[in-house]
All heavy atoms as atom14 arrays in JSON, in Angstrom:
{
  "sequence": "LGQSAATAASIALERGEAVQDVPYQLLQQRLVDDGQV",
  "atom14_mask": [
    [1, 1, 1, 1, 1, 1, 1, 1, 0, 0, 0, 0, 0, 0],
    [1, 1, 1, 1, 0, 0, 0, 0, 0, 0, 0, 0, 0, 0],
    [1, 1, 1, 1, 1, 1, 1, 1, 1, 0, 0, 0, 0, 0],
    [1, 1, 1, 1, 1, 1, 0, 0, 0, 0, 0, 0, 0, 0],
    [1, 1, 1, 1, 1, 0, 0, 0, 0, 0, 0, 0, 0, 0],
    [1, 1, 1, 1, 1, 0, 0, 0, 0, 0, 0, 0, 0, 0],
    [1, 1, 1, 1, 1, 1, 1, 0, 0, 0, 0, 0, 0, 0],
    [1, 1, 1, 1, 1, 0, 0, 0, 0, 0, 0, 0, 0, 0],
    [1, 1, 1, 1, 1, 0, 0, 0, 0, 0, 0, 0, 0, 0],
    [1, 1, 1, 1, 1, 1, 0, 0, 0, 0, 0, 0, 0, 0],
    [1, 1, 1, 1, 1, 1, 1, 1, 0, 0, 0, 0, 0, 0],
    [1, 1, 1, 1, 1, 0, 0, 0, 0, 0, 0, 0, 0, 0],
    [1, 1, 1, 1, 1, 1, 1, 1, 0, 0, 0, 0, 0, 0],
    [1, 1, 1, 1, 1, 1, 1, 1, 1, 0, 0, 0, 0, 0],
    [1, 1, 1, 1, 1, 1, 1, 1, 1, 1, 1, 0, 0, 0],
    [1, 1, 1, 1, 0, 0, 0, 0, 0, 0, 0, 0, 0, 0],
    [1, 1, 1, 1, 1, 1, 1, 1, 1, 0, 0, 0, 0, 0],
    [1, 1, 1, 1, 1, 0, 0, 0, 0, 0, 0, 0, 0, 0],
    [1, 1, 1, 1, 1, 1, 1, 0, 0, 0, 0, 0, 0, 0],
    [1, 1, 1, 1, 1, 1, 1, 1, 1, 0, 0, 0, 0, 0],
    [1, 1, 1, 1, 1, 1, 1, 1, 0, 0, 0, 0, 0, 0],
    [1, 1, 1, 1, 1, 1, 1, 0, 0, 0, 0, 0, 0, 0],
    [1, 1, 1, 1, 1, 1, 1, 0, 0, 0, 0, 0, 0, 0],
    [1, 1, 1, 1, 1, 1, 1, 1, 1, 1, 1, 1, 0, 0],
    [1, 1, 1, 1, 1, 1, 1, 1, 1, 0, 0, 0, 0, 0],
    [1, 1, 1, 1, 1, 1, 1, 1, 0, 0, 0, 0, 0, 0],
    [1, 1, 1, 1, 1, 1, 1, 1, 0, 0, 0, 0, 0, 0],
    [1, 1, 1, 1, 1, 1, 1, 1, 1, 0, 0, 0, 0, 0],
    [1, 1, 1, 1, 1, 1, 1, 1, 1, 0, 0, 0, 0, 0],
    [1, 1, 1, 1, 1, 1, 1, 1, 1, 1, 1, 0, 0, 0],
    [1, 1, 1, 1, 1, 1, 1, 1, 0, 0, 0, 0, 0, 0],
    [1, 1, 1, 1, 1, 1, 1, 0, 0, 0, 0, 0, 0, 0],
    [1, 1, 1, 1, 1, 1, 1, 1, 0, 0, 0, 0, 0, 0],
    [1, 1, 1, 1, 1, 1, 1, 1, 0, 0, 0, 0, 0, 0],
    [1, 1, 1, 1, 0, 0, 0, 0, 0, 0, 0, 0, 0, 0],
    [1, 1, 1, 1, 1, 1, 1, 1, 1, 0, 0, 0, 0, 0],
    [1, 1, 1, 1, 1, 1, 1, 0, 0, 0, 0, 0, 0, 0]
  ],
  "atom14_positions": [
    [[-3.79, -10.93, 2.18], [-3.37, -10.35, 0.9], [-4.41, -9.41, 0.34], [-4.08, -8.43, -0.35], [-3.04, -11.46, -0.09], [-1.88, -12.39, 0.31], [-1.62, -13.42, -0.77], [-0.62, -11.59, 0.59], [0.0, 0.0, 0.0], [0.0, 0.0, 0.0], [0.0, 0.0, 0.0], [0.0, 0.0, 0.0], [0.0, 0.0, 0.0], [0.0, 0.0, 0.0]],
    [[-5.7, -9.68, 0.63], [-6.74, -8.75, 0.2], [-6.58, -7.39, 0.86], [-6.69, -6.34, 0.2], [0.0, 0.0, 0.0], [0.0, 0.0, 0.0], [0.0, 0.0, 0.0], [0.0, 0.0, 0.0], [0.0, 0.0, 0.0], [0.0, 0.0, 0.0], [0.0, 0.0, 0.0], [0.0, 0.0, 0.0], [0.0, 0.0, 0.0], [0.0, 0.0, 0.0]],
    [[-6.32, -7.38, 2.16], [-6.1, -6.12, 2.86], [-4.88, -5.39, 2.29], [-4.92, -4.17, 2.09], [-5.9, -6.37, 4.35], [-5.6, -5.09, 5.14], [-5.43, -5.32, 6.62], [-5.6, -6.46, 7.11], [-5.1, -4.28, 7.36], [0.0, 0.0, 0.0], [0.0, 0.0, 0.0], [0.0, 0.0, 0.0], [0.0, 0.0, 0.0], [0.0, 0.0, 0.0]],
    [[-3.81, -6.12, 2.02], [-2.6, -5.5, 1.48], [-2.84, -4.96, 0.07], [-2.32, -3.9, -0.28], [-1.45, -6.51, 1.48], [-1.11, -6.88, 2.8], [0.0, 0.0, 0.0], [0.0, 0.0, 0.0], [0.0, 0.0, 0.0], [0.0, 0.0, 0.0], [0.0, 0.0, 0.0], [0.0, 0.0, 0.0], [0.0, 0.0, 0.0], [0.0, 0.0, 0.0]],
    [[-3.62, -5.68, -0.71], [-3.95, -5.2, -2.06], [-4.72, -3.9, -2.01], [-4.46, -2.96, -2.78], [-4.75, -6.27, -2.81], [0.0, 0.0, 0.0], [0.0, 0.0, 0.0], [0.0, 0.0, 0.0], [0.0, 0.0, 0.0], [0.0, 0.0, 0.0], [0.0, 0.0, 0.0], [0.0, 0.0, 0.0], [0.0, 0.0, 0.0], [0.0, 0.0, 0.0]],
    [[-5.68, -3.82, -1.1], [-6.47, -2.59, -0.96], [-5.6, -1.42, -0.52], [-5.76, -0.28, -0.99], [-7.59, -2.81, 0.05], [0.0, 0.0, 0.0], [0.0, 0.0, 0.0], [0.0, 0.0, 0.0], [0.0, 0.0, 0.0], [0.0, 0.0, 0.0], [0.0, 0.0, 0.0], [0.0, 0.0, 0.0], [0.0, 0.0, 0.0], [0.0, 0.0, 0.0]],
    [[-4.66, -1.69, 0.38], [-3.76, -0.64, 0.85], [-2.9, -0.12, -0.29], [-2.74, 1.09, -0.47], [-2.86, -1.19, 1.98], [-3.68, -1.74, 3.01], [-1.98, -0.1, 2.55], [0.0, 0.0, 0.0], [0.0, 0.0, 0.0], [0.0, 0.0, 0.0], [0.0, 0.0, 0.0], [0.0, 0.0, 0.0], [0.0, 0.0, 0.0], [0.0, 0.0, 0.0]],
    [[-2.36, -1.03, -1.09], [-1.53, -0.63, -2.23], [-2.35, 0.14, -3.26], [-1.88, 1.15, -3.82], [-0.9, -1.87, -2.87], [0.0, 0.0, 0.0], [0.0, 0.0, 0.0], [0.0, 0.0, 0.0], [0.0, 0.0, 0.0], [0.0, 0.0, 0.0], [0.0, 0.0, 0.0], [0.0, 0.0, 0.0], [0.0, 0.0, 0.0], [0.0, 0.0, 0.0]],
    [[-3.57, -0.32, -3.52], [-4.43, 0.36, -4.48], [-4.72, 1.79, -4.03], [-4.72, 2.73, -4.83], [-5.72, -0.42, -4.68], [0.0, 0.0, 0.0], [0.0, 0.0, 0.0], [0.0, 0.0, 0.0], [0.0, 0.0, 0.0], [0.0, 0.0, 0.0], [0.0, 0.0, 0.0], [0.0, 0.0, 0.0], [0.0, 0.0, 0.0], [0.0, 0.0, 0.0]],
    [[-4.98, 1.97, -2.74], [-5.29, 3.29, -2.21], [-4.08, 4.22, -2.31], [-4.21, 5.4, -2.68], [-5.75, 3.17, -0.76], [-6.15, 4.42, -0.26], [0.0, 0.0, 0.0], [0.0, 0.0, 0.0], [0.0, 0.0, 0.0], [0.0, 0.0, 0.0], [0.0, 0.0, 0.0], [0.0, 0.0, 0.0], [0.0, 0.0, 0.0], [0.0, 0.0, 0.0]],
    [[-2.9, 3.71, -1.99], [-1.69, 4.52, -2.1], [-1.42, 4.89, -3.55], [-1.05, 6.04, -3.86], [-0.48, 3.77, -1.49], [-0.67, 3.61, 0.02], [0.82, 4.5, -1.79], [0.39, 2.75, 0.68], [0.0, 0.0, 0.0], [0.0, 0.0, 0.0], [0.0, 0.0, 0.0], [0.0, 0.0, 0.0], [0.0, 0.0, 0.0], [0.0, 0.0, 0.0]],
    [[-1.61, 3.93, -4.45], [-1.41, 4.21, -5.87], [-2.37, 5.29, -6.35], [-2.0, 6.17, -7.15], [-1.58, 2.92, -6.69], [0.0, 0.0, 0.0], [0.0, 0.0, 0.0], [0.0, 0.0, 0.0], [0.0, 0.0, 0.0], [0.0, 0.0, 0.0], [0.0, 0.0, 0.0], [0.0, 0.0, 0.0], [0.0, 0.0, 0.0], [0.0, 0.0, 0.0]],
    [[-3.62, 5.23, -5.88], [-4.59, 6.27, -6.24], [-4.16, 7.64, -5.73], [-4.22, 8.64, -6.44], [-5.96, 5.91, -5.67], [-6.79, 4.89, -6.44], [-8.06, 4.54, -5.66], [-7.16, 5.43, -7.81], [0.0, 0.0, 0.0], [0.0, 0.0, 0.0], [0.0, 0.0, 0.0], [0.0, 0.0, 0.0], [0.0, 0.0, 0.0], [0.0, 0.0, 0.0]],
    [[-3.72, 7.66, -4.49], [-3.32, 8.93, -3.88], [-2.13, 9.54, -4.62], [-2.06, 10.76, -4.79], [-2.95, 8.69, -2.42], [-2.54, 9.94, -1.66], [-2.22, 9.66, -0.21], [-2.56, 8.56, 0.27], [-1.61, 10.53, 0.44], [0.0, 0.0, 0.0], [0.0, 0.0, 0.0], [0.0, 0.0, 0.0], [0.0, 0.0, 0.0], [0.0, 0.0, 0.0]],
    [[-1.23, 8.72, -5.09], [-0.02, 9.2, -5.75], [-0.18, 9.29, -7.26], [0.72, 9.79, -7.95], [1.14, 8.28, -5.41], [1.52, 8.3, -3.92], [2.58, 7.24, -3.6], [3.79, 7.43, -4.39], [4.81, 8.23, -4.04], [4.74, 8.92, -2.92], [5.89, 8.33, -4.82], [0.0, 0.0, 0.0], [0.0, 0.0, 0.0], [0.0, 0.0, 0.0]],
    [[-1.28, 8.77, -7.79], [-1.52, 8.84, -9.22], [-0.53, 8.02, -10.02], [-0.05, 8.46, -11.08], [0.0, 0.0, 0.0], [0.0, 0.0, 0.0], [0.0, 0.0, 0.0], [0.0, 0.0, 0.0], [0.0, 0.0, 0.0], [0.0, 0.0, 0.0], [0.0, 0.0, 0.0], [0.0, 0.0, 0.0], [0.0, 0.0, 0.0], [0.0, 0.0, 0.0]],
    [[-0.22, 6.81, -9.54], [0.78, 6.0, -10.21], [0.32, 4.56, -10.36], [-0.72, 4.15, -9.81], [2.1, 6.03, -9.42], [1.98, 5.54, -7.99], [3.21, 5.88, -7.16], [4.08, 6.64, -7.64], [3.29, 5.41, -6.01], [0.0, 0.0, 0.0], [0.0, 0.0, 0.0], [0.0, 0.0, 0.0], [0.0, 0.0, 0.0], [0.0, 0.0, 0.0]],
    [[1.09, 3.79, -11.09], [0.78, 2.38, -11.29], [1.02, 1.62, -9.99], [1.84, 2.0, -9.16], [1.66, 1.8, -12.4], [0.0, 0.0, 0.0], [0.0, 0.0, 0.0], [0.0, 0.0, 0.0], [0.0, 0.0, 0.0], [0.0, 0.0, 0.0], [0.0, 0.0, 0.0], [0.0, 0.0, 0.0], [0.0, 0.0, 0.0], [0.0, 0.0, 0.0]],
    [[0.29, 0.52, -9.83], [0.45, -0.27, -8.61], [1.88, -0.81, -8.49], [2.38, -1.01, -7.38], [-0.57, -1.42, -8.55], [-1.98, -0.88, -8.4], [-0.45, -2.35, -9.77], [0.0, 0.0, 0.0], [0.0, 0.0, 0.0], [0.0, 0.0, 0.0], [0.0, 0.0, 0.0], [0.0, 0.0, 0.0], [0.0, 0.0, 0.0], [0.0, 0.0, 0.0]],
    [[2.53, -1.02, -9.63], [3.91, -1.53, -9.59], [4.89, -0.49, -9.07], [6.02, -0.84, -8.68], [4.34, -1.99, -10.99], [3.59, -3.19, -11.52], [2.27, -2.83, -12.19], [1.89, -1.66, -12.25], [1.56, -3.84, -12.71], [0.0, 0.0, 0.0], [0.0, 0.0, 0.0], [0.0, 0.0, 0.0], [0.0, 0.0, 0.0], [0.0, 0.0, 0.0]],
    [[4.51, 0.78, -9.06], [5.41, 1.86, -8.66], [5.17, 2.34, -7.23], [5.8, 3.32, -6.79], [5.27, 3.05, -9.62], [5.7, 2.7, -11.04], [6.56, 1.81, -11.19], [5.16, 3.29, -12.0], [0.0, 0.0, 0.0], [0.0, 0.0, 0.0], [0.0, 0.0, 0.0], [0.0, 0.0, 0.0], [0.0, 0.0, 0.0], [0.0, 0.0, 0.0]],
    [[4.28, 1.71, -6.51], [4.02, 2.11, -5.12], [5.3, 1.94, -4.3], [5.88, 0.85, -4.28], [2.89, 1.26, -4.51], [2.78, 1.49, -3.01], [1.57, 1.58, -5.19], [0.0, 0.0, 0.0], [0.0, 0.0, 0.0], [0.0, 0.0, 0.0], [0.0, 0.0, 0.0], [0.0, 0.0, 0.0], [0.0, 0.0, 0.0], [0.0, 0.0, 0.0]],
    [[5.78, 2.99, -3.64], [6.99, 2.85, -2.81], [6.75, 1.86, -1.67], [5.8, 2.02, -0.89], [7.22, 4.27, -2.27], [6.48, 5.17, -3.2], [5.29, 4.38, -3.65], [0.0, 0.0, 0.0], [0.0, 0.0, 0.0], [0.0, 0.0, 0.0], [0.0, 0.0, 0.0], [0.0, 0.0, 0.0], [0.0, 0.0, 0.0], [0.0, 0.0, 0.0]],
    [[7.62, 0.87, -1.59], [7.38, -0.16, -0.59], [7.41, 0.39, 0.82], [6.66, -0.07, 1.69], [8.39, -1.3, -0.73], [8.2, -2.34, 0.35], [7.03, -3.11, 0.39], [9.13, -2.5, 1.38], [6.81, -4.04, 1.39], [8.92, -3.43, 2.39], [7.76, -4.19, 2.39], [7.54, -5.1, 3.4], [0.0, 0.0, 0.0], [0.0, 0.0, 0.0]],
    [[8.25, 1.39, 1.08], [8.33, 1.93, 2.43], [6.99, 2.5, 2.89], [6.6, 2.32, 4.06], [9.41, 3.02, 2.5], [10.83, 2.52, 2.32], [11.16, 2.18, 0.86], [10.41, 2.56, -0.06], [12.25, 1.47, 0.66], [0.0, 0.0, 0.0], [0.0, 0.0, 0.0], [0.0, 0.0, 0.0], [0.0, 0.0, 0.0], [0.0, 0.0, 0.0]],
    [[6.28, 3.16, 1.99], [4.95, 3.69, 2.33], [3.97, 2.56, 2.59], [3.19, 2.59, 3.55], [4.43, 4.59, 1.21], [5.11, 5.95, 1.01], [4.47, 6.68, -0.17], [5.0, 6.79, 2.28], [0.0, 0.0, 0.0], [0.0, 0.0, 0.0], [0.0, 0.0, 0.0], [0.0, 0.0, 0.0], [0.0, 0.0, 0.0], [0.0, 0.0, 0.0]],
    [[3.99, 1.56, 1.71], [3.09, 0.42, 1.85], [3.4, -0.33, 3.14], [2.48, -0.67, 3.92], [3.24, -0.5, 0.64], [2.44, -1.8, 0.65], [0.94, -1.53, 0.75], [2.75, -2.62, -0.6], [0.0, 0.0, 0.0], [0.0, 0.0, 0.0], [0.0, 0.0, 0.0], [0.0, 0.0, 0.0], [0.0, 0.0, 0.0], [0.0, 0.0, 0.0]],
    [[4.65, -0.58, 3.39], [5.07, -1.31, 4.59], [4.6, -0.62, 5.86], [4.05, -1.25, 6.76], [6.59, -1.45, 4.59], [7.16, -2.15, 5.8], [8.67, -2.09, 5.82], [9.28, -1.04, 5.54], [9.3, -3.22, 6.11], [0.0, 0.0, 0.0], [0.0, 0.0, 0.0], [0.0, 0.0, 0.0], [0.0, 0.0, 0.0], [0.0, 0.0, 0.0]],
    [[4.79, 0.69, 5.93], [4.43, 1.42, 7.14], [2.95, 1.37, 7.41], [2.51, 1.15, 8.55], [4.89, 2.89, 7.03], [4.7, 3.68, 8.32], [5.45, 3.08, 9.49], [6.67, 2.9, 9.43], [4.74, 2.74, 10.56], [0.0, 0.0, 0.0], [0.0, 0.0, 0.0], [0.0, 0.0, 0.0], [0.0, 0.0, 0.0], [0.0, 0.0, 0.0]],
    [[2.14, 1.52, 6.36], [0.69, 1.49, 6.56], [0.23, 0.08, 6.97], [-0.64, -0.07, 7.84], [-0.05, 1.94, 5.29], [-1.57, 1.92, 5.41], [-2.05, 2.87, 6.52], [-3.43, 2.65, 6.88], [-4.43, 3.52, 6.64], [-4.17, 4.66, 6.02], [-5.67, 3.24, 7.01], [0.0, 0.0, 0.0], [0.0, 0.0, 0.0], [0.0, 0.0, 0.0]],
    [[0.81, -0.94, 6.37], [0.43, -2.31, 6.73], [0.77, -2.61, 8.18], [-0.04, -3.2, 8.91], [1.13, -3.31, 5.81], [0.73, -3.29, 4.33], [1.55, -4.3, 3.54], [-0.74, -3.55, 4.15], [0.0, 0.0, 0.0], [0.0, 0.0, 0.0], [0.0, 0.0, 0.0], [0.0, 0.0, 0.0], [0.0, 0.0, 0.0], [0.0, 0.0, 0.0]],
    [[1.95, -2.2, 8.61], [2.34, -2.42, 10.01], [1.41, -1.65, 10.94], [0.97, -2.17, 11.97], [3.81, -2.01, 10.23], [4.15, -2.01, 11.72], [4.75, -2.95, 9.47], [0.0, 0.0, 0.0], [0.0, 0.0, 0.0], [0.0, 0.0, 0.0], [0.0, 0.0, 0.0], [0.0, 0.0, 0.0], [0.0, 0.0, 0.0], [0.0, 0.0, 0.0]],
    [[1.1, -0.4, 10.58], [0.2, 0.41, 11.4], [-1.17, -0.24, 11.54], [-1.85, -0.08, 12.56], [0.04, 1.81, 10.8], [1.3, 2.65, 10.93], [2.2, 2.26, 11.71], [1.41, 3.67, 10.22], [0.0, 0.0, 0.0], [0.0, 0.0, 0.0], [0.0, 0.0, 0.0], [0.0, 0.0, 0.0], [0.0, 0.0, 0.0], [0.0, 0.0, 0.0]],
    [[-1.59, -0.97, 10.5], [-2.9, -1.62, 10.5], [-2.86, -3.06, 11.02], [-3.83, -3.81, 10.87], [-3.51, -1.59, 9.1], [-3.94, -0.19, 8.69], [-4.17, 0.65, 9.59], [-4.05, 0.08, 7.48], [0.0, 0.0, 0.0], [0.0, 0.0, 0.0], [0.0, 0.0, 0.0], [0.0, 0.0, 0.0], [0.0, 0.0, 0.0], [0.0, 0.0, 0.0]],
    [[-1.75, -3.43, 11.62], [-1.68, -4.73, 12.3], [-1.26, -5.91, 11.47], [-1.31, -7.05, 11.96], [0.0, 0.0, 0.0], [0.0, 0.0, 0.0], [0.0, 0.0, 0.0], [0.0, 0.0, 0.0], [0.0, 0.0, 0.0], [0.0, 0.0, 0.0], [0.0, 0.0, 0.0], [0.0, 0.0, 0.0], [0.0, 0.0, 0.0], [0.0, 0.0, 0.0]],
    [[-0.83, -5.68, 10.23], [-0.35, -6.81, 9.44], [0.98, -7.32, 9.98], [1.82, -6.54, 10.45], [-0.18, -6.38, 7.97], [-1.48, -6.08, 7.26], [-2.15, -7.32, 6.72], [-2.42, -8.26, 7.47], [-2.47, -7.34, 5.45], [0.0, 0.0, 0.0], [0.0, 0.0, 0.0], [0.0, 0.0, 0.0], [0.0, 0.0, 0.0], [0.0, 0.0, 0.0]],
    [[1.19, -8.63, 9.9], [2.44, -9.24, 10.32], [3.27, -9.47, 9.06], [2.88, -10.25, 8.18], [2.21, -10.57, 11.05], [3.54, -11.19, 11.47], [1.31, -10.35, 12.27], [0.0, 0.0, 0.0], [0.0, 0.0, 0.0], [0.0, 0.0, 0.0], [0.0, 0.0, 0.0], [0.0, 0.0, 0.0], [0.0, 0.0, 0.0], [0.0, 0.0, 0.0]]
  ]
}
């Protein structure tokens, strides 16, 4: 969950939005690419 939190925080920073507004599809793809199950 720490790795996933960091990924979401980074995407939110890149998009300039709240963590609650991070598009799940973007988050999901990066997590899968980084080996998360």
